[in-house]
Amino acid sequence: MRRPISRRTVIAGGLGATAEPMLWLRSEVTRTDASGHIWGANQRIRVEEAIRCSTVHGAYASFEEGIKGSLEPGRLADLVVWDHDLLSIDPANLMSVKPERTMLGGRWVYEA
């Protein structure tokens, strides 16, 4: 994903589209699969870029950027509170991150 992102192409995908969001995030950031095999190491992206692909860019790709994709007043409040800071944890450890709370439509629907 590095090449299109470097060219400022809007790339959507990821966290909300999979049952294993941390596997997706880890694979984009480290370019490793579940077995640890490295695929296209030169296409690694930063955690911030991967999150943007699955939030802001995902909303843009579905023509919903006016109602979701970022946390702003008046937008849908769908979010997850993780038990670790995704921006500071070692990407190799992303699979150990667990959700603490989940909000859908502005209402808490899950708490660990």
PDB file of N, CA and C in Angstrom:
ATOM      1  N   MET A   1       0.809  -1.193   0.000  1.00  0.00           N
ATOM      2  CA  MET A   1       0.000   0.000   0.000  1.00  0.00           C
ATOM      3  C   MET A   1       0.856   1.263   0.000  1.00  0.00           C
ATOM      4  N   ARG A   2       2.124   1.130   0.245  1.00  0.00           N
ATOM      5  CA  ARG A   2       2.993   2.309   0.302  1.00  0.00           C
ATOM      6  C   ARG A   2       2.966   3.095  -0.998  1.00  0.00           C
ATOM      7  N   ARG A   3       3.086   2.421  -2.139  1.00  0.00           N
ATOM      8  CA  ARG A   3       3.179   3.130  -3.416  1.00  0.00           C
ATOM      9  C   ARG A   3       1.957   4.008  -3.681  1.00  0.00           C
ATOM     10  N   PRO A   4       0.725   3.493  -3.620  1.00  0.00           N
ATOM     11  CA  PRO A   4      -0.409   4.384  -3.887  1.00  0.00           C
ATOM     12  C   PRO A   4      -0.569   5.487  -2.843  1.00  0.00           C
ATOM     13  N   ILE A   5      -0.277   5.187  -1.587  1.00  0.00           N
ATOM     14  CA  ILE A   5      -0.379   6.215  -0.553  1.00  0.00           C
ATOM     15  C   ILE A   5       0.643   7.309  -0.803  1.00  0.00           C
ATOM     16  N   SER A   6       1.845   6.936  -1.193  1.00  0.00           N
ATOM     17  CA  SER A   6       2.879   7.928  -1.501  1.00  0.00           C
ATOM     18  C   SER A   6       2.472   8.807  -2.668  1.00  0.00           C
ATOM     19  N   ARG A   7       1.634   8.285  -3.538  1.00  0.00           N
ATOM     20  CA  ARG A   7       1.148   9.054  -4.692  1.00  0.00           C
ATOM     21  C   ARG A   7      -0.156   9.779  -4.379  1.00  0.00           C
ATOM     22  N   ARG A   8      -0.531   9.800  -3.096  1.00  0.00           N
ATOM     23  CA  ARG A   8      -1.734  10.483  -2.594  1.00  0.00           C
ATOM     24  C   ARG A   8      -3.034   9.893  -3.134  1.00  0.00           C
ATOM     25  N   THR A   9      -2.994   8.607  -3.466  1.00  0.00           N
ATOM     26  CA  THR A   9      -4.196   7.895  -3.877  1.00  0.00           C
ATOM     27  C   THR A   9      -5.002   7.548  -2.631  1.00  0.00           C
ATOM     28  N   VAL A  10      -6.306   7.725  -2.681  1.00  0.00           N
ATOM     29  CA  VAL A  10      -7.161   7.367  -1.552  1.00  0.00           C
ATOM     30  C   VAL A  10      -7.360   5.861  -1.570  1.00  0.00           C
ATOM     31  N   ILE A  11      -6.855   5.202  -0.546  1.00  0.00           N
ATOM     32  CA  ILE A  11      -6.964   3.753  -0.408  1.00  0.00           C
ATOM     33  C   ILE A  11      -7.883   3.475   0.771  1.00  0.00           C
ATOM     34  N   ALA A  12      -8.922   2.691   0.551  1.00  0.00           N
ATOM     35  CA  ALA A  12      -9.856   2.347   1.616  1.00  0.00           C
ATOM     36  C   ALA A  12      -9.772   0.863   1.914  1.00  0.00           C
ATOM     37  N   GLY A  13     -10.054   0.540   3.152  1.00  0.00           N
ATOM     38  CA  GLY A  13     -10.089  -0.864   3.517  1.00  0.00           C
ATOM     39  C   GLY A  13      -9.762  -1.060   4.963  1.00  0.00           C
ATOM     40  N   GLY A  14      -9.926  -2.284   5.409  1.00  0.00           N
ATOM     41  CA  GLY A  14      -9.370  -2.627   6.663  1.00  0.00           C
ATOM     42  C   GLY A  14     -10.163  -2.958   7.878  1.00  0.00           C
ATOM     43  N   LEU A  15      -9.960  -2.164   8.902  1.00  0.00           N
ATOM     44  CA  LEU A  15     -10.380  -2.512  10.252  1.00  0.00           C
ATOM     45  C   LEU A  15     -11.838  -2.913  10.361  1.00  0.00           C
ATOM     46  N   GLY A  16     -12.732  -2.186   9.736  1.00  0.00           N
ATOM     47  CA  GLY A  16     -14.148  -2.504   9.850  1.00  0.00           C
ATOM     48  C   GLY A  16     -14.606  -3.604   8.924  1.00  0.00           C
ATOM     49  N   ALA A  17     -13.765  -4.020   8.014  1.00  0.00           N
ATOM     50  CA  ALA A  17     -14.177  -4.984   6.998  1.00  0.00           C
ATOM     51  C   ALA A  17     -13.715  -6.400   7.297  1.00  0.00           C
ATOM     52  N   THR A  18     -13.179  -6.616   8.465  1.00  0.00           N
ATOM     53  CA  THR A  18     -12.652  -7.936   8.781  1.00  0.00           C
ATOM     54  C   THR A  18     -13.014  -8.336  10.199  1.00  0.00           C
ATOM     55  N   ALA A  19     -13.108  -9.620  10.438  1.00  0.00           N
ATOM     56  CA  ALA A  19     -13.373 -10.118  11.785  1.00  0.00           C
ATOM     57  C   ALA A  19     -12.119 -10.025  12.654  1.00  0.00           C
ATOM     58  N   GLU A  20     -10.975  -9.840  12.042  1.00  0.00           N
ATOM     59  CA  GLU A  20      -9.704  -9.741  12.760  1.00  0.00           C
ATOM     60  C   GLU A  20      -9.023  -8.409  12.436  1.00  0.00           C
ATOM     61  N   PRO A  21      -9.526  -7.304  12.976  1.00  0.00           N
ATOM     62  CA  PRO A  21      -8.960  -6.001  12.612  1.00  0.00           C
ATOM     63  C   PRO A  21      -7.487  -5.845  12.953  1.00  0.00           C
ATOM     64  N   MET A  22      -7.035  -6.453  14.033  1.00  0.00           N
ATOM     65  CA  MET A  22      -5.622  -6.307  14.400  1.00  0.00           C
ATOM     66  C   MET A  22      -4.720  -7.106  13.463  1.00  0.00           C
ATOM     67  N   LEU A  23      -5.208  -8.215  12.926  1.00  0.00           N
ATOM     68  CA  LEU A  23      -4.437  -8.962  11.930  1.00  0.00           C
ATOM     69  C   LEU A  23      -4.272  -8.109  10.677  1.00  0.00           C
ATOM     70  N   TRP A  24      -5.366  -7.455  10.244  1.00  0.00           N
ATOM     71  CA  TRP A  24      -5.288  -6.565   9.083  1.00  0.00           C
ATOM     72  C   TRP A  24      -4.303  -5.431   9.354  1.00  0.00           C
ATOM     73  N   LEU A  25      -4.431  -4.775  10.511  1.00  0.00           N
ATOM     74  CA  LEU A  25      -3.571  -3.644  10.833  1.00  0.00           C
ATOM     75  C   LEU A  25      -2.102  -4.075  10.888  1.00  0.00           C
ATOM     76  N   ARG A  26      -1.839  -5.172  11.567  1.00  0.00           N
ATOM     77  CA  ARG A  26      -0.462  -5.661  11.645  1.00  0.00           C
ATOM     78  C   ARG A  26       0.090  -6.001  10.268  1.00  0.00           C
ATOM     79  N   SER A  27      -0.732  -6.611   9.423  1.00  0.00           N
ATOM     80  CA  SER A  27      -0.241  -6.997   8.100  1.00  0.00           C
ATOM     81  C   SER A  27       0.088  -5.777   7.245  1.00  0.00           C
ATOM     82  N   GLU A  28      -0.673  -4.695   7.363  1.00  0.00           N
ATOM     83  CA  GLU A  28      -0.384  -3.484   6.595  1.00  0.00           C
ATOM     84  C   GLU A  28       0.858  -2.765   7.103  1.00  0.00           C
ATOM     85  N   VAL A  29       1.058  -2.795   8.401  1.00  0.00           N
ATOM     86  CA  VAL A  29       2.176  -2.072   9.010  1.00  0.00           C
ATOM     87  C   VAL A  29       3.476  -2.867   8.947  1.00  0.00           C
ATOM     88  N   THR A  30       3.406  -4.166   9.167  1.00  0.00           N
ATOM     89  CA  THR A  30       4.622  -4.986   9.160  1.00  0.00           C
ATOM     90  C   THR A  30       4.807  -5.759   7.860  1.00  0.00           C
ATOM     91  N   ARG A  31       3.729  -5.877   7.077  1.00  0.00           N
ATOM     92  CA  ARG A  31       3.696  -6.661   5.833  1.00  0.00           C
ATOM     93  C   ARG A  31       4.013  -8.130   6.093  1.00  0.00           C
ATOM     94  N   THR A  32       3.527  -8.639   7.239  1.00  0.00           N
ATOM     95  CA  THR A  32       3.669 -10.061   7.548  1.00  0.00           C
ATOM     96  C   THR A  32       2.286 -10.693   7.602  1.00  0.00           C
ATOM     97  N   ASP A  33       2.226 -11.977   7.275  1.00  0.00           N
ATOM     98  CA  ASP A  33       0.962 -12.698   7.384  1.00  0.00           C
ATOM     99  C   ASP A  33       0.884 -13.373   8.750  1.00  0.00           C
ATOM    100  N   ALA A  34      -0.175 -14.148   8.970  1.00  0.00           N
ATOM    101  CA  ALA A  34      -0.386 -14.805  10.260  1.00  0.00           C
ATOM    102  C   ALA A  34       0.743 -15.765  10.618  1.00  0.00           C
ATOM    103  N   SER A  35       1.466 -16.256   9.608  1.00  0.00           N
ATOM    104  CA  SER A  35       2.584 -17.176   9.852  1.00  0.00           C
ATOM    105  C   SER A  35       3.912 -16.456  10.045  1.00  0.00           C
ATOM    106  N   GLY A  36       3.924 -15.140   9.884  1.00  0.00           N
ATOM    107  CA  GLY A  36       5.150 -14.374  10.046  1.00  0.00           C
ATOM    108  C   GLY A  36       5.931 -14.167   8.760  1.00  0.00           C
ATOM    109  N   HIS A  37       5.421 -14.679   7.637  1.00  0.00           N
ATOM    110  CA  HIS A  37       6.091 -14.504   6.350  1.00  0.00           C
ATOM    111  C   HIS A  37       5.944 -13.057   5.899  1.00  0.00           C
ATOM    112  N   ILE A  38       7.020 -12.457   5.416  1.00  0.00           N
ATOM    113  CA  ILE A  38       7.001 -11.067   4.960  1.00  0.00           C
ATOM    114  C   ILE A  38       6.630 -11.013   3.487  1.00  0.00           C
ATOM    115  N   TRP A  39       5.654 -10.164   3.169  1.00  0.00           N
ATOM    116  CA  TRP A  39       5.169  -9.972   1.804  1.00  0.00           C
ATOM    117  C   TRP A  39       5.321  -8.501   1.441  1.00  0.00           C
ATOM    118  N   GLY A  40       6.144  -8.184   0.486  1.00  0.00           N
ATOM    119  CA  GLY A  40       6.272  -6.803   0.010  1.00  0.00           C
ATOM    120  C   GLY A  40       6.683  -5.823   1.087  1.00  0.00           C
ATOM    121  N   ALA A  41       7.799  -6.067   1.709  1.00  0.00           N
ATOM    122  CA  ALA A  41       8.260  -5.218   2.809  1.00  0.00           C
ATOM    123  C   ALA A  41       8.322  -3.743   2.417  1.00  0.00           C
ATOM    124  N   ASN A  42       8.575  -3.459   1.154  1.00  0.00           N
ATOM    125  CA  ASN A  42       8.672  -2.070   0.700  1.00  0.00           C
ATOM    126  C   ASN A  42       7.304  -1.384   0.623  1.00  0.00           C
ATOM    127  N   GLN A  43       6.218  -2.112   0.897  1.00  0.00           N
ATOM    128  CA  GLN A  43       4.873  -1.542   0.862  1.00  0.00           C
ATOM    129  C   GLN A  43       4.309  -1.281   2.266  1.00  0.00           C
ATOM    130  N   ARG A  44       5.173  -1.382   3.287  1.00  0.00           N
ATOM    131  CA  ARG A  44       4.724  -1.100   4.657  1.00  0.00           C
ATOM    132  C   ARG A  44       4.224   0.335   4.768  1.00  0.00           C
ATOM    133  N   ILE A  45       3.191   0.511   5.616  1.00  0.00           N
ATOM    134  CA  ILE A  45       2.693   1.856   5.901  1.00  0.00           C
ATOM    135  C   ILE A  45       2.678   2.059   7.424  1.00  0.00           C
ATOM    136  N   ARG A  46       2.579   3.304   7.845  1.00  0.00           N
ATOM    137  CA  ARG A  46       2.537   3.616   9.275  1.00  0.00           C
ATOM    138  C   ARG A  46       1.149   3.308   9.835  1.00  0.00           C
ATOM    139  N   VAL A  47       1.078   3.087  11.126  1.00  0.00           N
ATOM    140  CA  VAL A  47      -0.200   2.810  11.787  1.00  0.00           C
ATOM    141  C   VAL A  47      -1.196   3.928  11.491  1.00  0.00           C
ATOM    142  N   GLU A  48      -0.755   5.183  11.565  1.00  0.00           N
ATOM    143  CA  GLU A  48      -1.643   6.315  11.305  1.00  0.00           C
ATOM    144  C   GLU A  48      -2.241   6.234   9.901  1.00  0.00           C
ATOM    145  N   GLU A  49      -1.437   5.848   8.939  1.00  0.00           N
ATOM    146  CA  GLU A  49      -1.917   5.727   7.554  1.00  0.00           C
ATOM    147  C   GLU A  49      -2.930   4.596   7.423  1.00  0.00           C
ATOM    148  N   ALA A  50      -2.673   3.483   8.091  1.00  0.00           N
ATOM    149  CA  ALA A  50      -3.596   2.345   8.022  1.00  0.00           C
ATOM    150  C   ALA A  50      -4.933   2.704   8.660  1.00  0.00           C
ATOM    151  N   ILE A  51      -4.906   3.391   9.787  1.00  0.00           N
ATOM    152  CA  ILE A  51      -6.149   3.801  10.435  1.00  0.00           C
ATOM    153  C   ILE A  51      -6.920   4.759   9.525  1.00  0.00           C
ATOM    154  N   ARG A  52      -6.228   5.683   8.902  1.00  0.00           N
ATOM    155  CA  ARG A  52      -6.878   6.619   7.979  1.00  0.00           C
ATOM    156  C   ARG A  52      -7.522   5.870   6.803  1.00  0.00           C
ATOM    157  N   CYS A  53      -6.858   4.821   6.308  1.00  0.00           N
ATOM    158  CA  CYS A  53      -7.420   4.032   5.201  1.00  0.00           C
ATOM    159  C   CYS A  53      -8.744   3.386   5.595  1.00  0.00           C
ATOM    160  N   SER A  54      -8.868   2.965   6.845  1.00  0.00           N
ATOM    161  CA  SER A  54     -10.087   2.268   7.245  1.00  0.00           C
ATOM    162  C   SER A  54     -11.150   3.183   7.835  1.00  0.00           C
ATOM    163  N   THR A  55     -10.844   4.451   8.038  1.00  0.00           N
ATOM    164  CA  THR A  55     -11.821   5.369   8.618  1.00  0.00           C
ATOM    165  C   THR A  55     -12.190   6.460   7.611  1.00  0.00           C
ATOM    166  N   VAL A  56     -11.360   7.470   7.516  1.00  0.00           N
ATOM    167  CA  VAL A  56     -11.621   8.604   6.625  1.00  0.00           C
ATOM    168  C   VAL A  56     -11.752   8.151   5.175  1.00  0.00           C
ATOM    169  N   HIS A  57     -10.806   7.341   4.709  1.00  0.00           N
ATOM    170  CA  HIS A  57     -10.848   6.895   3.313  1.00  0.00           C
ATOM    171  C   HIS A  57     -11.982   5.917   3.051  1.00  0.00           C
ATOM    172  N   GLY A  58     -12.306   5.085   4.045  1.00  0.00           N
ATOM    173  CA  GLY A  58     -13.430   4.166   3.894  1.00  0.00           C
ATOM    174  C   GLY A  58     -14.743   4.907   3.713  1.00  0.00           C
ATOM    175  N   ALA A  59     -14.926   5.967   4.498  1.00  0.00           N
ATOM    176  CA  ALA A  59     -16.136   6.794   4.366  1.00  0.00           C
ATOM    177  C   ALA A  59     -16.168   7.476   3.002  1.00  0.00           C
ATOM    178  N   TYR A  60     -15.037   7.976   2.563  1.00  0.00           N
ATOM    179  CA  TYR A  60     -14.946   8.633   1.253  1.00  0.00           C
ATOM    180  C   TYR A  60     -15.304   7.659   0.130  1.00  0.00           C
ATOM    181  N   ALA A  61     -14.781   6.434   0.226  1.00  0.00           N
ATOM    182  CA  ALA A  61     -15.017   5.431  -0.819  1.00  0.00           C
ATOM    183  C   ALA A  61     -16.486   5.034  -0.920  1.00  0.00           C
ATOM    184  N   SER A  62     -17.217   5.148   0.186  1.00  0.00           N
ATOM    185  CA  SER A  62     -18.642   4.791   0.166  1.00  0.00           C
ATOM    186  C   SER A  62     -19.540   6.033   0.063  1.00  0.00           C
ATOM    187  N   PHE A  63     -18.932   7.177  -0.285  1.00  0.00           N
ATOM    188  CA  PHE A  63     -19.658   8.443  -0.447  1.00  0.00           C
ATOM    189  C   PHE A  63     -20.376   8.862   0.832  1.00  0.00           C
ATOM    190  N   GLU A  64     -19.769   8.538   1.989  1.00  0.00           N
ATOM    191  CA  GLU A  64     -20.370   8.865   3.275  1.00  0.00           C
ATOM    192  C   GLU A  64     -19.464   9.750   4.126  1.00  0.00           C
ATOM    193  N   GLU A  65     -18.532  10.443   3.478  1.00  0.00           N
ATOM    194  CA  GLU A  65     -17.575  11.254   4.232  1.00  0.00           C
ATOM    195  C   GLU A  65     -18.227  12.404   4.993  1.00  0.00           C
ATOM    196  N   GLY A  66     -19.457  12.760   4.658  1.00  0.00           N
ATOM    197  CA  GLY A  66     -20.159  13.820   5.378  1.00  0.00           C
ATOM    198  C   GLY A  66     -20.813  13.357   6.663  1.00  0.00           C
ATOM    199  N   ILE A  67     -20.931  12.024   6.848  1.00  0.00           N
ATOM    200  CA  ILE A  67     -21.610  11.522   8.045  1.00  0.00           C
ATOM    201  C   ILE A  67     -20.763  10.593   8.907  1.00  0.00           C
ATOM    202  N   LYS A  68     -19.647  10.126   8.364  1.00  0.00           N
ATOM    203  CA  LYS A  68     -18.801   9.232   9.165  1.00  0.00           C
ATOM    204  C   LYS A  68     -17.358   9.296   8.673  1.00  0.00           C
ATOM    205  N   GLY A  69     -16.482   8.554   9.344  1.00  0.00           N
ATOM    206  CA  GLY A  69     -15.078   8.498   8.938  1.00  0.00           C
ATOM    207  C   GLY A  69     -14.148   9.230   9.879  1.00  0.00           C
ATOM    208  N   SER A  70     -14.700  10.178  10.641  1.00  0.00           N
ATOM    209  CA  SER A  70     -13.908  10.919  11.626  1.00  0.00           C
ATOM    210  C   SER A  70     -14.819  11.310  12.778  1.00  0.00           C
ATOM    211  N   LEU A  71     -14.217  11.574  13.914  1.00  0.00           N
ATOM    212  CA  LEU A  71     -14.991  11.954  15.090  1.00  0.00           C
ATOM    213  C   LEU A  71     -15.194  13.462  15.102  1.00  0.00           C
ATOM    214  N   GLU A  72     -16.390  13.879  14.713  1.00  0.00           N
ATOM    215  CA  GLU A  72     -16.742  15.289  14.651  1.00  0.00           C
ATOM    216  C   GLU A  72     -18.195  15.448  15.057  1.00  0.00           C
ATOM    217  N   PRO A  73     -18.562  16.604  15.600  1.00  0.00           N
ATOM    218  CA  PRO A  73     -19.967  16.832  15.960  1.00  0.00           C
ATOM    219  C   PRO A  73     -20.890  16.615  14.762  1.00  0.00           C
ATOM    220  N   GLY A  74     -21.992  15.893  15.002  1.00  0.00           N
ATOM    221  CA  GLY A  74     -22.970  15.648  13.958  1.00  0.00           C
ATOM    222  C   GLY A  74     -22.722  14.412  13.119  1.00  0.00           C
ATOM    223  N   ARG A  75     -21.599  13.756  13.322  1.00  0.00           N
ATOM    224  CA  ARG A  75     -21.298  12.534  12.554  1.00  0.00           C
ATOM    225  C   ARG A  75     -21.624  11.298  13.383  1.00  0.00           C
ATOM    226  N   LEU A  76     -21.784  10.160  12.698  1.00  0.00           N
ATOM    227  CA  LEU A  76     -22.043   8.904  13.390  1.00  0.00           C
ATOM    228  C   LEU A  76     -20.884   8.582  14.323  1.00  0.00           C
ATOM    229  N   ALA A  77     -21.215   8.196  15.519  1.00  0.00           N
ATOM    230  CA  ALA A  77     -20.178   7.884  16.497  1.00  0.00           C
ATOM    231  C   ALA A  77     -20.022   6.375  16.614  1.00  0.00           C
ATOM    232  N   ASP A  78     -19.286   5.794  15.697  1.00  0.00           N
ATOM    233  CA  ASP A  78     -18.945   4.378  15.740  1.00  0.00           C
ATOM    234  C   ASP A  78     -17.452   4.312  16.030  1.00  0.00           C
ATOM    235  N   LEU A  79     -17.087   3.723  17.165  1.00  0.00           N
ATOM    236  CA  LEU A  79     -15.679   3.692  17.527  1.00  0.00           C
ATOM    237  C   LEU A  79     -15.374   2.548  18.469  1.00  0.00           C
ATOM    238  N   VAL A  80     -14.087   2.251  18.594  1.00  0.00           N
ATOM    239  CA  VAL A  80     -13.605   1.225  19.509  1.00  0.00           C
ATOM    240  C   VAL A  80     -12.547   1.851  20.395  1.00  0.00           C
ATOM    241  N   VAL A  81     -12.624   1.559  21.687  1.00  0.00           N
ATOM    242  CA  VAL A  81     -11.581   1.937  22.629  1.00  0.00           C
ATOM    243  C   VAL A  81     -10.745   0.683  22.855  1.00  0.00           C
ATOM    244  N   TRP A  82      -9.468   0.751  22.503  1.00  0.00           N
ATOM    245  CA  TRP A  82      -8.572  -0.404  22.621  1.00  0.00           C
ATOM    246  C   TRP A  82      -7.836  -0.369  23.945  1.00  0.00           C
ATOM    247  N   ASP A  83      -7.331  -1.512  24.393  1.00  0.00           N
ATOM    248  CA  ASP A  83      -6.621  -1.568  25.673  1.00  0.00           C
ATOM    249  C   ASP A  83      -5.164  -1.130  25.574  1.00  0.00           C
ATOM    250  N   HIS A  84      -4.693  -0.797  24.392  1.00  0.00           N
ATOM    251  CA  HIS A  84      -3.355  -0.258  24.177  1.00  0.00           C
ATOM    252  C   HIS A  84      -3.442   0.897  23.173  1.00  0.00           C
ATOM    253  N   ASP A  85      -2.510   1.781  23.236  1.00  0.00           N
ATOM    254  CA  ASP A  85      -2.424   2.886  22.284  1.00  0.00           C
ATOM    255  C   ASP A  85      -1.863   2.326  20.974  1.00  0.00           C
ATOM    256  N   LEU A  86      -2.666   2.316  19.935  1.00  0.00           N
ATOM    257  CA  LEU A  86      -2.248   1.742  18.656  1.00  0.00           C
ATOM    258  C   LEU A  86      -1.075   2.489  18.035  1.00  0.00           C
ATOM    259  N   LEU A  87      -0.894   3.743  18.419  1.00  0.00           N
ATOM    260  CA  LEU A  87       0.189   4.546  17.842  1.00  0.00           C
ATOM    261  C   LEU A  87       1.516   4.356  18.562  1.00  0.00           C
ATOM    262  N   SER A  88       1.492   3.745  19.741  1.00  0.00           N
ATOM    263  CA  SER A  88       2.749   3.597  20.469  1.00  0.00           C
ATOM    264  C   SER A  88       3.180   2.146  20.687  1.00  0.00           C
ATOM    265  N   ILE A  89       2.264   1.194  20.507  1.00  0.00           N
ATOM    266  CA  ILE A  89       2.618  -0.217  20.702  1.00  0.00           C
ATOM    267  C   ILE A  89       3.517  -0.690  19.554  1.00  0.00           C
ATOM    268  N   ASP A  90       4.403  -1.614  19.848  1.00  0.00           N
ATOM    269  CA  ASP A  90       5.231  -2.227  18.815  1.00  0.00           C
ATOM    270  C   ASP A  90       4.285  -2.933  17.834  1.00  0.00           C
ATOM    271  N   PRO A  91       4.345  -2.608  16.546  1.00  0.00           N
ATOM    272  CA  PRO A  91       3.429  -3.232  15.570  1.00  0.00           C
ATOM    273  C   PRO A  91       3.439  -4.756  15.601  1.00  0.00           C
ATOM    274  N   ALA A  92       4.544  -5.360  15.976  1.00  0.00           N
ATOM    275  CA  ALA A  92       4.602  -6.816  16.065  1.00  0.00           C
ATOM    276  C   ALA A  92       3.664  -7.345  17.147  1.00  0.00           C
ATOM    277  N   ASN A  93       3.271  -6.486  18.081  1.00  0.00           N
ATOM    278  CA  ASN A  93       2.400  -6.899  19.190  1.00  0.00           C
ATOM    279  C   ASN A  93       0.940  -6.508  18.988  1.00  0.00           C
ATOM    280  N   LEU A  94       0.571  -6.034  17.819  1.00  0.00           N
ATOM    281  CA  LEU A  94      -0.799  -5.591  17.589  1.00  0.00           C
ATOM    282  C   LEU A  94      -1.833  -6.696  17.797  1.00  0.00           C
ATOM    283  N   MET A  95      -1.464  -7.935  17.570  1.00  0.00           N
ATOM    284  CA  MET A  95      -2.425  -9.030  17.739  1.00  0.00           C
ATOM    285  C   MET A  95      -2.834  -9.219  19.196  1.00  0.00           C
ATOM    286  N   SER A  96      -2.076  -8.664  20.134  1.00  0.00           N
ATOM    287  CA  SER A  96      -2.434  -8.790  21.551  1.00  0.00           C
ATOM    288  C   SER A  96      -3.401  -7.700  22.005  1.00  0.00           C
ATOM    289  N   VAL A  97      -3.677  -6.729  21.163  1.00  0.00           N
ATOM    290  CA  VAL A  97      -4.571  -5.622  21.508  1.00  0.00           C
ATOM    291  C   VAL A  97      -6.016  -6.119  21.506  1.00  0.00           C
ATOM    292  N   LYS A  98      -6.753  -5.752  22.558  1.00  0.00           N
ATOM    293  CA  LYS A  98      -8.152  -6.176  22.711  1.00  0.00           C
ATOM    294  C   LYS A  98      -9.049  -4.957  22.864  1.00  0.00           C
ATOM    295  N   PRO A  99     -10.297  -5.072  22.412  1.00  0.00           N
ATOM    296  CA  PRO A  99     -11.228  -3.957  22.608  1.00  0.00           C
ATOM    297  C   PRO A  99     -11.681  -3.865  24.062  1.00  0.00           C
ATOM    298  N   GLU A 100     -11.765  -2.639  24.578  1.00  0.00           N
ATOM    299  CA  GLU A 100     -12.314  -2.415  25.911  1.00  0.00           C
ATOM    300  C   GLU A 100     -13.776  -2.002  25.833  1.00  0.00           C
ATOM    301  N   ARG A 101     -14.090  -1.158  24.848  1.00  0.00           N
ATOM    302  CA  ARG A 101     -15.457  -0.683  24.655  1.00  0.00           C
ATOM    303  C   ARG A 101     -15.707  -0.461  23.171  1.00  0.00           C
ATOM    304  N   THR A 102     -16.973  -0.606  22.760  1.00  0.00           N
ATOM    305  CA  THR A 102     -17.370  -0.334  21.380  1.00  0.00           C
ATOM    306  C   THR A 102     -18.618   0.535  21.399  1.00  0.00           C
ATOM    307  N   MET A 103     -18.591   1.590  20.579  1.00  0.00           N
ATOM    308  CA  MET A 103     -19.742   2.477  20.441  1.00  0.00           C
ATOM    309  C   MET A 103     -20.276   2.387  19.018  1.00  0.00           C
ATOM    310  N   LEU A 104     -21.584   2.238  18.883  1.00  0.00           N
ATOM    311  CA  LEU A 104     -22.257   2.237  17.586  1.00  0.00           C
ATOM    312  C   LEU A 104     -23.393   3.251  17.643  1.00  0.00           C
ATOM    313  N   GLY A 105     -23.404   4.145  16.680  1.00  0.00           N
ATOM    314  CA  GLY A 105     -24.464   5.144  16.627  1.00  0.00           C
ATOM    315  C   GLY A 105     -24.554   6.013  17.865  1.00  0.00           C
ATOM    316  N   GLY A 106     -23.412   6.226  18.526  1.00  0.00           N
ATOM    317  CA  GLY A 106     -23.400   7.065  19.717  1.00  0.00           C
ATOM    318  C   GLY A 106     -23.773   6.368  21.008  1.00  0.00           C
ATOM    319  N   ARG A 107     -23.994   5.036  20.951  1.00  0.00           N
ATOM    320  CA  ARG A 107     -24.348   4.275  22.152  1.00  0.00           C
ATOM    321  C   ARG A 107     -23.314   3.186  22.404  1.00  0.00           C
ATOM    322  N   TRP A 108     -22.905   3.055  23.662  1.00  0.00           N
ATOM    323  CA  TRP A 108     -21.992   1.967  24.020  1.00  0.00           C
ATOM    324  C   TRP A 108     -22.716   0.645  23.905  1.00  0.00           C
ATOM    325  N   VAL A 109     -22.170  -0.279  23.119  1.00  0.00           N
ATOM    326  CA  VAL A 109     -22.818  -1.580  22.907  1.00  0.00           C
ATOM    327  C   VAL A 109     -21.983  -2.737  23.428  1.00  0.00           C
ATOM    328  N   TYR A 110     -20.738  -2.459  23.806  1.00  0.00           N
ATOM    329  CA  TYR A 110     -19.874  -3.504  24.347  1.00  0.00           C
ATOM    330  C   TYR A 110     -18.935  -2.907  25.369  1.00  0.00           C
ATOM    331  N   GLU A 111     -18.755  -3.617  26.486  1.00  0.00           N
ATOM    332  CA  GLU A 111     -17.743  -3.270  27.472  1.00  0.00           C
ATOM    333  C   GLU A 111     -17.103  -4.553  27.979  1.00  0.00           C
ATOM    334  N   ALA A 112     -15.785  -4.554  28.028  1.00  0.00           N
ATOM    335  CA  ALA A 112     -15.051  -5.742  28.490  1.00  0.00           C
ATOM    336  C   ALA A 112     -15.231  -5.912  29.990  1.00  0.00           C
TER     337      ALA A 112
END
